[in-house]
N, C-alpha and C. Protein backbone atom coordinates (compact mmCIF):
# COMPACT_ATOMS: atom_id res chain seq x y z
N UNK A 1 45.43 -20.39 3.71
CA UNK A 1 44.85 -19.27 4.21
C UNK A 1 44.25 -18.51 3.27
N UNK A 2 44.85 -18.33 1.95
CA UNK A 2 44.35 -17.56 0.97
C UNK A 2 43.12 -18.11 0.54
N UNK A 3 42.77 -19.33 0.49
CA UNK A 3 41.49 -20.00 0.11
C UNK A 3 40.32 -19.58 1.20
N UNK A 4 40.84 -19.64 2.43
CA UNK A 4 39.84 -19.21 3.41
C UNK A 4 39.45 -17.79 3.42
N UNK A 5 40.32 -16.86 3.07
CA UNK A 5 40.01 -15.50 3.01
C UNK A 5 39.24 -15.36 1.78
N UNK A 6 39.52 -16.04 0.69
CA UNK A 6 38.82 -15.83 -0.66
C UNK A 6 37.44 -16.41 -0.43
N UNK A 7 37.22 -17.44 0.27
CA UNK A 7 35.87 -18.05 0.56
C UNK A 7 34.95 -17.01 1.33
N UNK A 8 35.65 -16.67 2.58
CA UNK A 8 34.88 -15.75 3.36
C UNK A 8 34.50 -14.48 2.69
N UNK A 9 35.48 -13.79 1.77
CA UNK A 9 35.09 -12.77 1.06
C UNK A 9 34.01 -13.05 0.03
N UNK A 10 34.06 -14.09 -0.66
CA UNK A 10 32.86 -14.64 -1.64
C UNK A 10 31.61 -14.69 -0.96
N UNK A 11 31.65 -15.35 0.19
CA UNK A 11 30.28 -15.45 0.88
C UNK A 11 29.76 -14.09 1.46
N UNK A 12 30.62 -13.23 1.69
CA UNK A 12 30.07 -12.13 2.25
C UNK A 12 29.60 -11.22 1.11
N UNK A 13 30.09 -11.31 -0.20
CA UNK A 13 29.69 -10.57 -1.27
C UNK A 13 28.32 -11.31 -1.82
N UNK A 14 28.24 -12.50 -1.68
CA UNK A 14 27.08 -13.12 -2.23
C UNK A 14 25.92 -12.82 -1.40
N UNK A 15 26.16 -12.94 -0.15
CA UNK A 15 25.02 -12.54 0.86
C UNK A 15 24.61 -11.13 0.84
N UNK A 16 25.67 -10.22 0.54
CA UNK A 16 25.38 -8.81 0.39
C UNK A 16 24.52 -8.62 -0.87
N UNK A 17 24.63 -9.18 -1.81
CA UNK A 17 23.92 -9.13 -3.00
C UNK A 17 22.53 -9.46 -2.59
N UNK A 18 22.21 -10.38 -1.83
CA UNK A 18 20.90 -10.92 -1.59
C UNK A 18 20.14 -9.79 -0.94
N UNK A 19 20.83 -8.98 -0.09
CA UNK A 19 20.19 -7.97 0.72
C UNK A 19 20.02 -6.62 0.04
N UNK A 20 20.70 -6.47 -1.19
CA UNK A 20 20.72 -5.24 -1.59
C UNK A 20 19.36 -5.16 -2.40
N UNK A 21 18.80 -6.28 -2.79
CA UNK A 21 17.33 -6.07 -3.44
C UNK A 21 16.52 -5.56 -2.72
N UNK A 22 16.49 -5.60 -1.25
CA UNK A 22 15.53 -4.86 -0.58
C UNK A 22 15.64 -3.34 -0.49
N UNK A 23 16.84 -2.75 -0.99
CA UNK A 23 17.18 -1.48 -1.04
C UNK A 23 16.75 -0.85 -2.31
N UNK A 24 16.51 -1.64 -3.38
CA UNK A 24 16.24 -1.22 -4.58
C UNK A 24 14.80 -0.88 -4.77
N UNK A 25 14.33 0.44 -4.94
CA UNK A 25 12.96 0.68 -5.25
C UNK A 25 12.17 0.12 -6.38
N UNK A 26 11.02 0.02 -6.40
CA UNK A 26 10.40 -0.54 -7.54
C UNK A 26 10.40 0.58 -8.56
N UNK A 27 10.05 0.25 -9.85
CA UNK A 27 10.02 1.21 -10.79
C UNK A 27 8.46 1.65 -10.99
N UNK A 28 8.41 2.85 -11.95
CA UNK A 28 7.08 3.31 -12.38
C UNK A 28 6.16 2.27 -12.89
N UNK A 29 4.81 2.30 -12.56
CA UNK A 29 4.06 1.30 -13.17
C UNK A 29 2.62 2.23 -13.49
N UNK A 30 2.30 2.25 -14.57
CA UNK A 30 1.00 3.01 -14.82
C UNK A 30 -0.09 2.41 -14.28
N UNK A 31 -0.37 1.15 -14.13
CA UNK A 31 -1.40 0.57 -13.50
C UNK A 31 -1.66 0.92 -12.13
N UNK A 32 -0.43 0.96 -11.21
CA UNK A 32 -0.39 1.16 -9.82
C UNK A 32 -0.72 2.50 -9.68
N UNK A 33 -0.03 3.50 -10.71
CA UNK A 33 -0.30 4.92 -10.47
C UNK A 33 -1.84 5.23 -10.53
N UNK A 34 -2.39 4.58 -11.66
CA UNK A 34 -3.84 4.96 -11.86
C UNK A 34 -4.70 4.45 -10.64
N UNK A 35 -4.39 3.32 -10.15
CA UNK A 35 -5.12 2.76 -8.98
C UNK A 35 -4.93 3.57 -7.83
N UNK A 36 -3.90 3.96 -7.41
CA UNK A 36 -3.70 4.70 -6.34
C UNK A 36 -4.57 6.21 -6.55
N UNK A 37 -4.54 6.61 -7.61
CA UNK A 37 -5.47 7.70 -7.79
C UNK A 37 -6.81 7.55 -7.90
N UNK A 38 -7.19 6.46 -8.13
CA UNK A 38 -8.62 5.96 -7.90
C UNK A 38 -9.00 5.78 -6.36
N UNK A 39 -8.06 5.26 -5.80
CA UNK A 39 -8.24 5.24 -4.31
C UNK A 39 -8.37 6.42 -3.63
N UNK A 40 -7.63 7.46 -3.96
CA UNK A 40 -7.65 8.74 -3.42
C UNK A 40 -8.93 9.49 -3.82
N UNK A 41 -9.41 9.41 -5.10
CA UNK A 41 -10.67 9.81 -5.67
C UNK A 41 -11.84 9.11 -4.78
N UNK A 42 -11.71 7.93 -4.46
CA UNK A 42 -12.85 7.32 -3.71
C UNK A 42 -12.89 7.81 -2.23
N UNK A 43 -11.91 8.10 -1.63
CA UNK A 43 -11.70 8.45 -0.33
C UNK A 43 -12.13 9.93 -0.38
N UNK A 44 -11.83 10.65 -1.25
CA UNK A 44 -12.22 12.08 -1.35
C UNK A 44 -13.80 12.24 -1.64
N UNK A 45 -14.25 11.46 -2.45
CA UNK A 45 -15.73 11.37 -2.70
C UNK A 45 -16.61 10.47 -1.62
N UNK A 46 -15.88 10.14 -0.56
CA UNK A 46 -16.64 9.50 0.57
C UNK A 46 -17.54 10.37 1.21
N UNK A 47 -19.02 9.99 1.05
CA UNK A 47 -20.03 10.78 1.67
C UNK A 47 -20.42 10.06 3.15
N UNK A 48 -20.08 10.67 4.17
CA UNK A 48 -20.32 9.99 5.25
C UNK A 48 -21.88 9.92 5.71
N UNK A 49 -22.57 10.81 5.13
CA UNK A 49 -24.13 10.85 5.32
C UNK A 49 -24.75 9.73 4.49
N UNK A 50 -24.20 9.12 3.56
CA UNK A 50 -24.82 8.17 2.51
C UNK A 50 -24.41 6.62 3.03
N UNK A 51 -24.62 5.81 2.25
CA UNK A 51 -24.22 4.40 2.42
C UNK A 51 -22.59 4.15 2.54
N UNK A 52 -22.29 4.10 3.78
CA UNK A 52 -20.92 4.06 4.04
C UNK A 52 -20.26 2.71 3.69
N UNK A 53 -20.97 1.60 3.86
CA UNK A 53 -20.62 0.27 3.60
C UNK A 53 -20.38 0.13 1.94
N UNK A 54 -21.11 0.60 1.40
CA UNK A 54 -20.91 0.44 -0.17
C UNK A 54 -19.58 1.15 -0.79
N UNK A 55 -19.47 2.44 -0.12
CA UNK A 55 -18.30 3.22 -0.51
C UNK A 55 -17.08 2.65 -0.01
N UNK A 56 -17.08 2.23 1.11
CA UNK A 56 -15.76 1.82 1.73
C UNK A 56 -15.49 0.35 1.23
N UNK A 57 -16.53 -0.36 0.70
CA UNK A 57 -16.05 -1.63 -0.02
C UNK A 57 -15.54 -1.35 -1.52
N UNK A 58 -15.97 -0.31 -2.16
CA UNK A 58 -15.28 0.04 -3.40
C UNK A 58 -13.80 0.33 -3.14
N UNK A 59 -13.59 1.27 -2.14
CA UNK A 59 -12.18 1.66 -1.69
C UNK A 59 -11.31 0.40 -1.24
N UNK A 60 -11.88 -0.56 -0.48
CA UNK A 60 -11.38 -1.66 -0.02
C UNK A 60 -10.80 -2.64 -1.25
N UNK A 61 -11.71 -2.75 -2.11
CA UNK A 61 -11.56 -3.44 -3.40
C UNK A 61 -10.43 -3.08 -4.22
N UNK A 62 -10.33 -1.72 -4.43
CA UNK A 62 -9.33 -1.10 -5.08
C UNK A 62 -7.93 -1.37 -4.41
N UNK A 63 -7.96 -1.31 -3.11
CA UNK A 63 -6.73 -1.46 -2.46
C UNK A 63 -6.26 -2.82 -2.47
N UNK A 64 -7.22 -3.74 -2.55
CA UNK A 64 -6.95 -5.32 -2.65
C UNK A 64 -6.31 -5.58 -4.01
N UNK A 65 -7.02 -4.84 -5.04
CA UNK A 65 -6.65 -5.05 -6.43
C UNK A 65 -5.05 -4.58 -6.41
N UNK A 66 -4.77 -3.47 -5.86
CA UNK A 66 -3.51 -2.91 -5.93
C UNK A 66 -2.51 -3.85 -5.23
N UNK A 67 -2.89 -4.44 -4.17
CA UNK A 67 -1.96 -5.21 -3.53
C UNK A 67 -1.69 -6.66 -4.34
N UNK A 68 -2.85 -7.21 -4.71
CA UNK A 68 -2.61 -8.40 -5.49
C UNK A 68 -1.79 -8.12 -6.94
N UNK A 69 -2.26 -6.93 -7.60
CA UNK A 69 -1.45 -6.81 -8.78
C UNK A 69 0.14 -6.58 -8.38
N UNK A 70 0.38 -5.79 -7.41
CA UNK A 70 1.74 -5.48 -6.89
C UNK A 70 2.49 -6.80 -6.50
N UNK A 71 1.89 -7.70 -5.74
CA UNK A 71 2.47 -9.03 -5.40
C UNK A 71 2.73 -9.86 -6.49
N UNK A 72 1.79 -9.77 -7.77
CA UNK A 72 1.97 -10.58 -8.65
C UNK A 72 3.32 -10.12 -9.59
N UNK A 73 3.61 -9.01 -9.45
CA UNK A 73 4.74 -8.37 -10.11
C UNK A 73 5.95 -8.96 -9.66
N UNK A 74 6.04 -9.43 -8.37
CA UNK A 74 7.23 -10.03 -7.87
C UNK A 74 7.68 -9.18 -6.50
N UNK A 75 9.17 -9.66 -6.29
CA UNK A 75 9.66 -9.33 -5.04
C UNK A 75 9.89 -7.88 -4.79
N UNK A 76 10.23 -7.14 -5.99
CA UNK A 76 10.67 -5.74 -5.83
C UNK A 76 9.49 -4.90 -5.55
N UNK A 77 8.27 -5.33 -5.52
CA UNK A 77 7.21 -4.48 -5.30
C UNK A 77 6.77 -4.44 -3.66
N UNK A 78 7.62 -4.81 -2.85
CA UNK A 78 7.30 -4.80 -1.48
C UNK A 78 7.25 -3.44 -0.89
N UNK A 79 8.01 -2.53 -1.45
CA UNK A 79 8.03 -1.13 -1.26
C UNK A 79 6.54 -0.39 -1.25
N UNK A 80 5.99 -0.72 -2.35
CA UNK A 80 4.70 -0.07 -2.57
C UNK A 80 3.62 -0.88 -1.83
N UNK A 81 3.58 -2.05 -1.56
CA UNK A 81 2.77 -2.70 -0.67
C UNK A 81 2.87 -2.28 0.83
N UNK A 82 4.12 -1.69 1.04
CA UNK A 82 4.38 -1.43 2.42
C UNK A 82 3.56 0.12 2.51
N UNK A 83 3.66 0.75 1.35
CA UNK A 83 3.16 2.01 1.41
C UNK A 83 1.65 2.03 1.71
N UNK A 84 0.86 1.08 1.25
CA UNK A 84 -0.54 1.07 1.27
C UNK A 84 -0.96 0.31 2.55
N UNK A 85 -0.20 -0.28 3.28
CA UNK A 85 -0.54 -1.14 4.48
C UNK A 85 -1.12 -0.39 5.48
N UNK A 86 -0.74 0.91 5.77
CA UNK A 86 -1.56 1.57 6.87
C UNK A 86 -2.99 2.01 6.27
N UNK A 87 -3.16 2.33 5.31
CA UNK A 87 -4.41 2.60 4.71
C UNK A 87 -5.08 1.45 4.65
N UNK A 88 -4.78 0.28 4.32
CA UNK A 88 -5.36 -1.22 4.33
C UNK A 88 -6.01 -1.34 5.58
N UNK A 89 -5.32 -0.99 6.73
CA UNK A 89 -5.78 -1.29 8.13
C UNK A 89 -6.87 -0.49 8.47
N UNK A 90 -6.76 0.79 8.13
CA UNK A 90 -7.82 1.89 8.33
C UNK A 90 -9.11 1.48 7.69
N UNK A 91 -8.95 1.19 6.38
CA UNK A 91 -10.19 0.76 5.67
C UNK A 91 -10.74 -0.65 6.19
N UNK A 92 -9.87 -1.52 6.59
CA UNK A 92 -10.51 -2.89 7.16
C UNK A 92 -11.33 -2.56 8.42
N UNK A 93 -10.72 -1.52 9.24
CA UNK A 93 -11.27 -1.25 10.53
C UNK A 93 -12.59 -0.62 10.26
N UNK A 94 -12.74 0.24 9.23
CA UNK A 94 -13.91 1.03 8.94
C UNK A 94 -14.87 -0.07 8.42
N UNK A 95 -14.58 -0.95 7.46
CA UNK A 95 -15.33 -1.97 6.87
C UNK A 95 -15.97 -2.96 7.94
N UNK A 96 -15.13 -3.24 8.75
CA UNK A 96 -15.70 -4.31 9.96
C UNK A 96 -16.60 -3.45 10.76
N UNK A 97 -16.37 -2.40 11.07
CA UNK A 97 -17.50 -1.59 11.88
C UNK A 97 -18.77 -1.27 11.06
N UNK A 98 -18.59 -0.90 10.01
CA UNK A 98 -19.78 -0.64 9.07
C UNK A 98 -20.62 -1.81 8.88
N UNK A 99 -19.77 -2.99 8.78
CA UNK A 99 -20.48 -4.28 8.38
C UNK A 99 -21.42 -4.79 9.57
N UNK A 100 -21.09 -4.13 10.81
CA UNK A 100 -21.85 -4.65 12.13
C UNK A 100 -22.92 -3.53 12.25
N UNK A 101 -22.98 -2.58 11.41
CA UNK A 101 -23.72 -1.49 11.66
C UNK A 101 -23.57 -0.46 12.74
N UNK A 102 -22.20 -0.53 13.06
CA UNK A 102 -21.71 0.35 14.10
C UNK A 102 -21.02 1.72 13.69
N UNK A 103 -21.26 2.07 12.21
CA UNK A 103 -20.72 3.28 11.70
C UNK A 103 -21.48 4.49 12.10
N UNK A 104 -20.69 5.52 12.22
CA UNK A 104 -21.55 6.85 12.54
C UNK A 104 -20.80 7.86 11.54
N UNK A 105 -21.60 8.89 11.43
CA UNK A 105 -21.08 9.96 10.57
C UNK A 105 -19.79 10.68 11.12
N UNK A 106 -19.79 10.91 12.47
CA UNK A 106 -18.65 11.35 13.18
C UNK A 106 -17.21 10.55 12.92
N UNK A 107 -17.50 9.16 13.19
CA UNK A 107 -16.43 8.04 13.05
C UNK A 107 -16.11 8.33 11.59
N UNK A 108 -17.02 8.01 10.69
CA UNK A 108 -16.49 8.05 9.24
C UNK A 108 -15.67 9.55 8.91
N UNK A 109 -16.22 10.55 9.39
CA UNK A 109 -15.46 11.76 8.99
C UNK A 109 -14.00 11.78 9.55
N UNK A 110 -13.74 11.34 10.78
CA UNK A 110 -12.39 11.07 11.32
C UNK A 110 -11.50 10.07 10.45
N UNK A 111 -12.33 9.04 10.03
CA UNK A 111 -11.46 7.96 9.33
C UNK A 111 -11.25 8.49 7.92
N UNK A 112 -11.92 9.22 7.51
CA UNK A 112 -11.91 9.77 6.07
C UNK A 112 -10.70 10.72 6.13
N UNK A 113 -10.49 11.55 7.19
CA UNK A 113 -9.45 12.51 7.23
C UNK A 113 -8.16 11.67 7.35
N UNK A 114 -8.20 10.57 8.24
CA UNK A 114 -6.99 9.79 8.24
C UNK A 114 -6.44 9.12 6.94
N UNK A 115 -7.42 8.58 6.38
CA UNK A 115 -7.31 8.04 5.14
C UNK A 115 -6.83 8.91 3.88
N UNK A 116 -7.30 10.19 3.86
CA UNK A 116 -6.83 11.14 3.14
C UNK A 116 -5.30 11.32 3.22
N UNK A 117 -4.78 11.44 4.40
CA UNK A 117 -3.58 11.76 4.59
C UNK A 117 -2.67 10.53 4.17
N UNK A 118 -3.14 9.33 4.58
CA UNK A 118 -2.45 8.01 4.41
C UNK A 118 -2.36 7.93 2.72
N UNK A 119 -3.58 8.23 2.11
CA UNK A 119 -3.58 8.12 0.57
C UNK A 119 -2.77 9.10 -0.05
N UNK A 120 -2.60 10.14 0.43
CA UNK A 120 -1.87 11.23 -0.32
C UNK A 120 -0.25 10.90 -0.10
N UNK A 121 0.15 10.25 1.16
CA UNK A 121 1.51 10.05 1.36
C UNK A 121 1.77 8.62 0.45
N UNK A 122 0.93 7.83 0.44
CA UNK A 122 1.25 6.65 -0.61
C UNK A 122 1.20 6.96 -1.98
N UNK A 123 0.32 7.88 -2.45
CA UNK A 123 0.27 8.37 -3.86
C UNK A 123 1.76 9.30 -4.13
N UNK A 124 2.15 9.98 -3.33
CA UNK A 124 3.41 10.74 -3.45
C UNK A 124 4.50 9.73 -3.76
N UNK A 125 4.58 8.82 -2.88
CA UNK A 125 5.54 7.58 -3.22
C UNK A 125 5.47 6.82 -4.37
N UNK A 126 4.13 6.30 -4.75
CA UNK A 126 4.15 5.65 -5.74
C UNK A 126 4.09 6.49 -7.18
N UNK A 127 3.67 7.71 -7.27
CA UNK A 127 3.69 8.48 -8.22
C UNK A 127 5.07 9.22 -8.63
N UNK A 128 5.86 9.09 -7.48
CA UNK A 128 7.20 10.01 -7.38
C UNK A 128 8.34 9.06 -7.91
N UNK A 129 8.06 7.72 -8.26
CA UNK A 129 9.05 6.76 -8.80
C UNK A 129 9.37 7.12 -10.11
N UNK A 130 10.45 6.58 -10.57
CA UNK A 130 11.17 6.75 -11.90
C UNK A 130 11.13 5.52 -12.72
């Protein structure tokens, strides 16, 4: 009986350690911090009256770089990847629409406002790490 309780307790403890990793936030990274500020700057400078496709492509590439860099660092970076996911979806939608020549100034201005809010939230989370 003692062995069974010990085995059960050991199993619960080992399983618990595996799930703890998802609760531990990633640590400060200079490259991620610089890149998220670059993304915010690109969104802030987005000129909806200009060539939207070229501008959104740069923002899209910066987000992709951020995602690949973070994924390359390992499992603990899932939290920062999750922070940029909503912004990536918005950028991909805008990129797809502009690729088809369906972008408009009004659409761009609405998306820029949304992306500014998303980028601000992501930057606060990424820059606020220790």
